[in-house]
C-alpha atoms as a PDB file:
ATOM      1  CA  UNK A   1       0.000   0.000   0.000  1.00  0.00           C
ATOM      2  CA  UNK A   2       1.361   3.416  -0.949  1.00  0.00           C
ATOM      3  CA  UNK A   3       1.678   6.280   1.514  1.00  0.00           C
ATOM      4  CA  UNK A   4      -1.153   8.159  -0.233  1.00  0.00           C
ATOM      5  CA  UNK A   5      -3.370   5.087   0.054  1.00  0.00           C
ATOM      6  CA  UNK A   6      -2.560   4.759   3.750  1.00  0.00           C
ATOM      7  CA  UNK A   7      -3.430   8.418   4.322  1.00  0.00           C
ATOM      8  CA  UNK A   8      -6.731   8.070   2.473  1.00  0.00           C
ATOM      9  CA  UNK A   9      -7.587   4.940   4.449  1.00  0.00           C
ATOM     10  CA  UNK A  10      -7.033   6.763   7.727  1.00  0.00           C
ATOM     11  CA  UNK A  11      -9.291   9.729   6.946  1.00  0.00           C
ATOM     12  CA  UNK A  12     -12.150  10.125   9.419  1.00  0.00           C
ATOM     13  CA  UNK A  13     -15.271  11.952   8.272  1.00  0.00           C
ATOM     14  CA  UNK A  14     -17.020  13.576  11.223  1.00  0.00           C
ATOM     15  CA  UNK A  15     -19.596  16.321  11.685  1.00  0.00           C
ATOM     16  CA  UNK A  16     -18.479  19.653  13.078  1.00  0.00           C
ATOM     17  CA  UNK A  17     -20.522  21.876  15.387  1.00  0.00           C
ATOM     18  CA  UNK A  18     -22.183  23.508  12.382  1.00  0.00           C
ATOM     19  CA  UNK A  19     -23.133  20.150  10.891  1.00  0.00           C
ATOM     20  CA  UNK A  20     -20.596  20.364   8.091  1.00  0.00           C
ATOM     21  CA  UNK A  21     -18.494  17.308   7.333  1.00  0.00           C
ATOM     22  CA  UNK A  22     -14.909  17.587   8.561  1.00  0.00           C
ATOM     23  CA  UNK A  23     -12.116  15.235   7.573  1.00  0.00           C
ATOM     24  CA  UNK A  24      -9.756  14.281  10.362  1.00  0.00           C
ATOM     25  CA  UNK A  25      -6.973  11.792   9.955  1.00  0.00           C
ATOM     26  CA  UNK A  26      -6.676   8.865  12.339  1.00  0.00           C
ATOM     27  CA  UNK A  27      -3.220   8.418  13.814  1.00  0.00           C
ATOM     28  CA  UNK A  28      -1.095   5.801  12.059  1.00  0.00           C
ATOM     29  CA  UNK A  29       0.635   3.399  14.440  1.00  0.00           C
ATOM     30  CA  UNK A  30       3.526   1.102  13.563  1.00  0.00           C
ATOM     31  CA  UNK A  31       3.897  -1.979  15.770  1.00  0.00           C
ATOM     32  CA  UNK A  32       7.372  -3.468  16.279  1.00  0.00           C
ATOM     33  CA  UNK A  33       7.710  -6.672  18.285  1.00  0.00           C
ATOM     34  CA  UNK A  34       9.468  -9.981  17.702  1.00  0.00           C
ATOM     35  CA  UNK A  35       6.460 -11.955  19.007  1.00  0.00           C
ATOM     36  CA  UNK A  36       3.678 -12.543  16.418  1.00  0.00           C
ATOM     37  CA  UNK A  37       0.993 -12.866  19.116  1.00  0.00           C
ATOM     38  CA  UNK A  38       1.859  -9.412  20.486  1.00  0.00           C
ATOM     39  CA  UNK A  39       1.775  -7.805  17.041  1.00  0.00           C
ATOM     40  CA  UNK A  40      -1.562  -9.459  16.309  1.00  0.00           C
ATOM     41  CA  UNK A  41      -3.030  -8.361  19.632  1.00  0.00           C
ATOM     42  CA  UNK A  42      -2.013  -4.725  19.264  1.00  0.00           C
ATOM     43  CA  UNK A  43      -3.196  -4.643  15.664  1.00  0.00           C
ATOM     44  CA  UNK A  44      -6.607  -5.948  16.750  1.00  0.00           C
ATOM     45  CA  UNK A  45      -6.659  -3.385  19.555  1.00  0.00           C
ATOM     46  CA  UNK A  46      -5.944  -0.520  17.152  1.00  0.00           C
ATOM     47  CA  UNK A  47      -8.521  -1.698  14.641  1.00  0.00           C
ATOM     48  CA  UNK A  48     -11.233  -1.312  17.265  1.00  0.00           C
ATOM     49  CA  UNK A  49     -10.393   2.375  17.818  1.00  0.00           C
ATOM     50  CA  UNK A  50     -11.723   4.937  15.292  1.00  0.00           C
ATOM     51  CA  UNK A  51      -8.886   7.417  15.863  1.00  0.00           C
ATOM     52  CA  UNK A  52      -6.044   4.880  15.706  1.00  0.00           C
ATOM     53  CA  UNK A  53      -5.110   2.665  12.800  1.00  0.00           C
ATOM     54  CA  UNK A  54      -2.366   0.054  12.310  1.00  0.00           C
ATOM     55  CA  UNK A  55      -0.020   1.404   9.644  1.00  0.00           C
ATOM     56  CA  UNK A  56       2.169  -1.682   9.592  1.00  0.00           C
ATOM     57  CA  UNK A  57       4.150  -4.075  11.711  1.00  0.00           C
ATOM     58  CA  UNK A  58       7.666  -5.446  11.936  1.00  0.00           C
ATOM     59  CA  UNK A  59       9.404  -8.284  13.749  1.00  0.00           C
ATOM     60  CA  UNK A  60      12.989  -7.058  13.537  1.00  0.00           C
ATOM     61  CA  UNK A  61      14.893  -3.753  13.692  1.00  0.00           C
ATOM     62  CA  UNK A  62      15.744  -3.959   9.998  1.00  0.00           C
ATOM     63  CA  UNK A  63      12.097  -4.483   9.002  1.00  0.00           C
ATOM     64  CA  UNK A  64      11.033  -1.745  11.409  1.00  0.00           C
ATOM     65  CA  UNK A  65      13.225   0.849   9.725  1.00  0.00           C
ATOM     66  CA  UNK A  66      11.907  -0.145   6.309  1.00  0.00           C
ATOM     67  CA  UNK A  67       8.295  -0.042   7.520  1.00  0.00           C
ATOM     68  CA  UNK A  68       8.778   3.356   9.168  1.00  0.00           C
ATOM     69  CA  UNK A  69      10.220   4.771   5.970  1.00  0.00           C
ATOM     70  CA  UNK A  70       7.348   3.353   3.932  1.00  0.00           C
ATOM     71  CA  UNK A  71       4.393   4.222   6.169  1.00  0.00           C
ATOM     72  CA  UNK A  72       5.544   7.438   7.921  1.00  0.00           C
ATOM     73  CA  UNK A  73       3.721   6.589  11.186  1.00  0.00           C
ATOM     74  CA  UNK A  74       2.557   9.101  13.763  1.00  0.00           C
ATOM     75  CA  UNK A  75       3.439   6.731  16.602  1.00  0.00           C
ATOM     76  CA  UNK A  76       5.480   3.577  17.019  1.00  0.00           C
ATOM     77  CA  UNK A  77       4.844   0.907  19.638  1.00  0.00           C
ATOM     78  CA  UNK A  78       8.109  -0.976  20.101  1.00  0.00           C
ATOM     79  CA  UNK A  79       9.675  -3.531  22.413  1.00  0.00           C
ATOM     80  CA  UNK A  80      13.311  -3.058  23.407  1.00  0.00           C
ATOM     81  CA  UNK A  81      13.993  -6.791  23.527  1.00  0.00           C
ATOM     82  CA  UNK A  82      14.767  -8.791  20.418  1.00  0.00           C
ATOM     83  CA  UNK A  83      15.774 -12.186  21.706  1.00  0.00           C
ATOM     84  CA  UNK A  84      17.731 -11.729  24.932  1.00  0.00           C
ATOM     85  CA  UNK A  85      19.680  -8.689  23.816  1.00  0.00           C
ATOM     86  CA  UNK A  86      18.436  -5.157  24.368  1.00  0.00           C
ATOM     87  CA  UNK A  87      21.126  -3.461  22.279  1.00  0.00           C
ATOM     88  CA  UNK A  88      19.382  -3.899  18.893  1.00  0.00           C
ATOM     89  CA  UNK A  89      16.204  -2.431  20.413  1.00  0.00           C
ATOM     90  CA  UNK A  90      17.999   0.577  21.851  1.00  0.00           C
ATOM     91  CA  UNK A  91      19.833   1.177  18.574  1.00  0.00           C
ATOM     92  CA  UNK A  92      16.526   0.906  16.713  1.00  0.00           C
ATOM     93  CA  UNK A  93      14.813   3.482  18.945  1.00  0.00           C
ATOM     94  CA  UNK A  94      17.746   5.860  18.590  1.00  0.00           C
ATOM     95  CA  UNK A  95      17.600   5.557  14.784  1.00  0.00           C
ATOM     96  CA  UNK A  96      13.801   5.906  14.628  1.00  0.00           C
ATOM     97  CA  UNK A  97      13.868   9.088  16.699  1.00  0.00           C
ATOM     98  CA  UNK A  98      16.611  10.477  14.492  1.00  0.00           C
ATOM     99  CA  UNK A  99      15.091   9.575  11.117  1.00  0.00           C
ATOM    100  CA  UNK A 100      11.374   9.981  11.804  1.00  0.00           C
ATOM    101  CA  UNK A 101      11.125  13.538  13.020  1.00  0.00           C
ATOM    102  CA  UNK A 102       7.993  14.158  15.056  1.00  0.00           C
ATOM    103  CA  UNK A 103       7.146  10.501  15.569  1.00  0.00           C
ATOM    104  CA  UNK A 104       6.030   9.466  19.056  1.00  0.00           C
ATOM    105  CA  UNK A 105       7.668   6.339  20.445  1.00  0.00           C
ATOM    106  CA  UNK A 106       5.863   4.244  23.045  1.00  0.00           C
ATOM    107  CA  UNK A 107       7.917   1.393  24.483  1.00  0.00           C
ATOM    108  CA  UNK A 108       5.834  -1.653  25.407  1.00  0.00           C
ATOM    109  CA  UNK A 109       8.108  -4.274  26.887  1.00  0.00           C
ATOM    110  CA  UNK A 110       8.297  -7.226  29.220  1.00  0.00           C
ATOM    111  CA  UNK A 111      11.720  -6.099  30.381  1.00  0.00           C
ATOM    112  CA  UNK A 112      11.751  -5.423  34.134  1.00  0.00           C
ATOM    113  CA  UNK A 113      15.367  -4.328  34.430  1.00  0.00           C
ATOM    114  CA  UNK A 114      15.543  -0.787  35.820  1.00  0.00           C
ATOM    115  CA  UNK A 115      18.875  -0.012  34.155  1.00  0.00           C
ATOM    116  CA  UNK A 116      17.405  -0.948  30.762  1.00  0.00           C
ATOM    117  CA  UNK A 117      14.435   1.299  31.451  1.00  0.00           C
ATOM    118  CA  UNK A 118      16.706   4.216  32.338  1.00  0.00           C
ATOM    119  CA  UNK A 119      18.796   3.756  29.195  1.00  0.00           C
ATOM    120  CA  UNK A 120      15.616   3.711  27.104  1.00  0.00           C
ATOM    121  CA  UNK A 121      14.133   6.845  28.656  1.00  0.00           C
ATOM    122  CA  UNK A 122      17.404   8.721  28.170  1.00  0.00           C
ATOM    123  CA  UNK A 123      17.066   8.160  24.435  1.00  0.00           C
ATOM    124  CA  UNK A 124      14.013  10.436  24.496  1.00  0.00           C
ATOM    125  CA  UNK A 125      11.078   8.022  24.136  1.00  0.00           C
ATOM    126  CA  UNK A 126       7.656   9.491  24.842  1.00  0.00           C
ATOM    127  CA  UNK A 127       6.231   6.610  26.857  1.00  0.00           C
ATOM    128  CA  UNK A 128       7.262   3.427  28.635  1.00  0.00           C
ATOM    129  CA  UNK A 129       4.826   0.667  29.618  1.00  0.00           C
ATOM    130  CA  UNK A 130       5.205  -2.920  30.680  1.00  0.00           C
ATOM    131  CA  UNK A 131       3.394  -5.662  28.791  1.00  0.00           C
ATOM    132  CA  UNK A 132       1.367  -6.281  31.917  1.00  0.00           C
ATOM    133  CA  UNK A 133      -0.622  -3.120  31.119  1.00  0.00           C
ATOM    134  CA  UNK A 134      -4.244  -3.734  30.179  1.00  0.00           C
ATOM    135  CA  UNK A 135      -5.590  -2.907  26.737  1.00  0.00           C
ATOM    136  CA  UNK A 136      -7.386   0.256  27.855  1.00  0.00           C
ATOM    137  CA  UNK A 137      -4.162   1.552  29.382  1.00  0.00           C
ATOM    138  CA  UNK A 138      -2.242   0.945  26.154  1.00  0.00           C
ATOM    139  CA  UNK A 139      -4.850   2.876  24.147  1.00  0.00           C
ATOM    140  CA  UNK A 140      -4.812   5.741  26.656  1.00  0.00           C
ATOM    141  CA  UNK A 141      -1.024   5.798  26.574  1.00  0.00           C
ATOM    142  CA  UNK A 142      -0.993   6.025  22.781  1.00  0.00           C
ATOM    143  CA  UNK A 143      -3.448   8.908  22.785  1.00  0.00           C
ATOM    144  CA  UNK A 144      -1.459  10.638  25.502  1.00  0.00           C
ATOM    145  CA  UNK A 145       1.864  10.490  23.645  1.00  0.00           C
ATOM    146  CA  UNK A 146       0.138  11.562  20.442  1.00  0.00           C
ATOM    147  CA  UNK A 147      -0.993  14.697  22.304  1.00  0.00           C
ATOM    148  CA  UNK A 148       2.635  15.390  23.108  1.00  0.00           C
ATOM    149  CA  UNK A 149       2.462  14.293  26.737  1.00  0.00           C
ATOM    150  CA  UNK A 150       4.598  11.665  28.439  1.00  0.00           C
ATOM    151  CA  UNK A 151       3.491   8.321  29.840  1.00  0.00           C
ATOM    152  CA  UNK A 152       5.648   6.592  32.397  1.00  0.00           C
ATOM    153  CA  UNK A 153       4.428   3.364  33.956  1.00  0.00           C
ATOM    154  CA  UNK A 154       4.857   3.756  37.730  1.00  0.00           C
ATOM    155  CA  UNK A 155       5.363   0.006  37.925  1.00  0.00           C
ATOM    156  CA  UNK A 156       8.678   0.375  36.128  1.00  0.00           C
ATOM    157  CA  UNK A 157      10.048   2.658  38.769  1.00  0.00           C
ATOM    158  CA  UNK A 158       7.816   5.728  38.943  1.00  0.00           C
ATOM    159  CA  UNK A 159       8.957   6.413  42.497  1.00  0.00           C
ATOM    160  CA  UNK A 160      12.477   6.985  41.214  1.00  0.00           C
ATOM    161  CA  UNK A 161      14.041   9.960  39.393  1.00  0.00           C
ATOM    162  CA  UNK A 162      11.795  11.942  37.015  1.00  0.00           C
ATOM    163  CA  UNK A 163      12.133  11.762  33.242  1.00  0.00           C
ATOM    164  CA  UNK A 164      14.101  15.018  33.081  1.00  0.00           C
ATOM    165  CA  UNK A 165      16.764  13.566  35.367  1.00  0.00           C
ATOM    166  CA  UNK A 166      16.813  10.200  33.649  1.00  0.00           C
ATOM    167  CA  UNK A 167      17.373  11.862  30.281  1.00  0.00           C
ATOM    168  CA  UNK A 168      20.165  14.041  31.669  1.00  0.00           C
ATOM    169  CA  UNK A 169      22.299  12.083  34.144  1.00  0.00           C
ATOM    170  CA  UNK A 170      24.287  15.222  34.991  1.00  0.00           C
ATOM    171  CA  UNK A 171      21.242  16.579  36.831  1.00  0.00           C
ATOM    172  CA  UNK A 172      20.854  15.401  40.402  1.00  0.00           C
ATOM    173  CA  UNK A 173      17.321  15.320  41.817  1.00  0.00           C
ATOM    174  CA  UNK A 174      16.585  17.424  44.880  1.00  0.00           C
ATOM    175  CA  UNK A 175      14.560  16.162  47.854  1.00  0.00           C
ATOM    176  CA  UNK A 176      11.121  16.599  46.284  1.00  0.00           C
ATOM    177  CA  UNK A 177      12.082  16.783  42.577  1.00  0.00           C
ATOM    178  CA  UNK A 178      11.447  13.101  42.097  1.00  0.00           C
ATOM    179  CA  UNK A 179       7.756  13.572  42.841  1.00  0.00           C
ATOM    180  CA  UNK A 180       7.063  17.035  41.431  1.00  0.00           C
ATOM    181  CA  UNK A 181       8.937  17.055  38.118  1.00  0.00           C
ATOM    182  CA  UNK A 182       7.412  13.752  37.067  1.00  0.00           C
ATOM    183  CA  UNK A 183       3.981  15.351  36.654  1.00  0.00           C
ATOM    184  CA  UNK A 184       2.928  16.150  33.101  1.00  0.00           C
ATOM    185  CA  UNK A 185       1.273  19.446  32.173  1.00  0.00           C
ATOM    186  CA  UNK A 186      -2.105  17.715  32.001  1.00  0.00           C
ATOM    187  CA  UNK A 187      -1.614  16.104  35.416  1.00  0.00           C
ATOM    188  CA  UNK A 188      -0.781  19.510  36.868  1.00  0.00           C
ATOM    189  CA  UNK A 189      -4.003  20.880  35.362  1.00  0.00           C
ATOM    190  CA  UNK A 190      -6.029  18.035  36.877  1.00  0.00           C
ATOM    191  CA  UNK A 191      -4.287  18.538  40.219  1.00  0.00           C
ATOM    192  CA  UNK A 192      -5.180  22.235  40.330  1.00  0.00           C
ATOM    193  CA  UNK A 193      -8.836  21.453  39.619  1.00  0.00           C
ATOM    194  CA  UNK A 194      -8.853  18.727  42.259  1.00  0.00           C
ATOM    195  CA  UNK A 195      -7.543  21.335  44.685  1.00  0.00           C
ATOM    196  CA  UNK A 196     -10.655  23.487  44.208  1.00  0.00           C
ATOM    197  CA  UNK A 197     -12.944  20.526  44.796  1.00  0.00           C
ATOM    198  CA  UNK A 198     -14.129  19.636  41.272  1.00  0.00           C
ATOM    199  CA  UNK A 199     -15.353  16.116  40.509  1.00  0.00           C
ATOM    200  CA  UNK A 200     -13.963  13.959  37.707  1.00  0.00           C
ATOM    201  CA  UNK A 201     -16.915  14.867  35.500  1.00  0.00           C
ATOM    202  CA  UNK A 202     -16.475  18.587  36.183  1.00  0.00           C
ATOM    203  CA  UNK A 203     -12.736  18.365  35.517  1.00  0.00           C
ATOM    204  CA  UNK A 204     -13.416  16.575  32.246  1.00  0.00           C
ATOM    205  CA  UNK A 205     -15.858  19.262  31.168  1.00  0.00           C
ATOM    206  CA  UNK A 206     -13.439  22.033  32.123  1.00  0.00           C
ATOM    207  CA  UNK A 207     -10.498  20.458  30.253  1.00  0.00           C
ATOM    208  CA  UNK A 208     -12.649  19.046  27.426  1.00  0.00           C
ATOM    209  CA  UNK A 209     -11.494  15.481  28.020  1.00  0.00           C
ATOM    210  CA  UNK A 210     -13.475  12.366  28.942  1.00  0.00           C
ATOM    211  CA  UNK A 211     -14.192  11.344  32.513  1.00  0.00           C
ATOM    212  CA  UNK A 212     -12.224   8.130  31.885  1.00  0.00           C
ATOM    213  CA  UNK A 213      -9.190  10.191  30.902  1.00  0.00           C
ATOM    214  CA  UNK A 214      -9.521  12.219  34.098  1.00  0.00           C
ATOM    215  CA  UNK A 215      -9.578   9.002  36.126  1.00  0.00           C
ATOM    216  CA  UNK A 216      -6.419   7.904  34.300  1.00  0.00           C
ATOM    217  CA  UNK A 217      -4.638  11.121  35.306  1.00  0.00           C
ATOM    218  CA  UNK A 218      -5.911  10.898  38.888  1.00  0.00           C
ATOM    219  CA  UNK A 219      -4.532   7.381  39.159  1.00  0.00           C
ATOM    220  CA  UNK A 220      -1.181   8.593  37.845  1.00  0.00           C
ATOM    221  CA  UNK A 221      -1.211  11.375  40.434  1.00  0.00           C
ATOM    222  CA  UNK A 222      -1.811   8.842  43.201  1.00  0.00           C
ATOM    223  CA  UNK A 223       1.066   6.697  41.967  1.00  0.00           C
ATOM    224  CA  UNK A 224       3.510   9.552  41.471  1.00  0.00           C
ATOM    225  CA  UNK A 225       2.716  11.195  44.802  1.00  0.00           C
ATOM    226  CA  UNK A 226       2.752   7.782  46.474  1.00  0.00           C
ATOM    227  CA  UNK A 227      -0.681   8.030  48.071  1.00  0.00           C
ATOM    228  CA  UNK A 228      -3.484   5.491  48.105  1.00  0.00           C
ATOM    229  CA  UNK A 229      -6.581   7.682  48.196  1.00  0.00           C
ATOM    230  CA  UNK A 230      -7.859  10.476  46.001  1.00  0.00           C
ATOM    231  CA  UNK A 231      -8.405  12.654  49.076  1.00  0.00           C
ATOM    232  CA  UNK A 232      -4.692  12.448  49.901  1.00  0.00           C
ATOM    233  CA  UNK A 233      -3.562  13.828  46.538  1.00  0.00           C
ATOM    234  CA  UNK A 234      -4.200  17.517  47.227  1.00  0.00           C
ATOM    235  CA  UNK A 235      -2.978  17.287  50.827  1.00  0.00           C
ATOM    236  CA  UNK A 236       0.318  15.669  49.785  1.00  0.00           C
ATOM    237  CA  UNK A 237       0.776  18.055  46.854  1.00  0.00           C
ATOM    238  CA  UNK A 238       0.152  21.076  49.073  1.00  0.00           C
ATOM    239  CA  UNK A 239       2.577  19.804  51.705  1.00  0.00           C
ATOM    240  CA  UNK A 240       5.265  19.482  49.049  1.00  0.00           C
ATOM    241  CA  UNK A 241       4.542  22.921  47.607  1.00  0.00           C
ATOM    242  CA  UNK A 242       3.238  21.667  44.272  1.00  0.00           C
ATOM    243  CA  UNK A 243      -0.092  23.525  44.577  1.00  0.00           C
END
């Protein structure tokens, strides 16, 4: 399929506020994983979403580079492990970020090694999830990185140094930097609205996002601030001087 054909296939025809038809393009997602069952699962997941479409898939770094050049994806879901060696995966991510300007890279991996995670984040990826994430979380993560925000699975070490420090090892985190700098712009917006007592539905209406997306950000706030209850979020943030 040519690039023009891919673009035409990803056009979404929706109605604007005035009733006129508006064409919006669904985001093209390239899936790179050495396991066929994973590629099949993510492809099926994307097919069920109207704003996301599988642009192609690859099982090896070499095929991934060829597919990226051919399909010009908006986002790439990629594992860092090919066999037992992470080096080809890291080299692939570095090359993809260099060649495909503007592409968003979401790492989806079974790797649980913290050092590998830190090396990956320092390359400049936009998101990092473990393969234990549920399907809804993967979809939310893709939409988040496509909006230009970061996604960092707390289960991979979210209580550790923030992304800014991981990407620049010369920076040493201060006492509270690990918890405050890890918040995305959207999470800070949600936090400020929580602080004035708005509900999830009210926050969603104010920010023009779904209630489910608000719940996703609230959960991330709980994880990053290391609290268990929603009511503790604002208290902990205020104590640390975040709000």
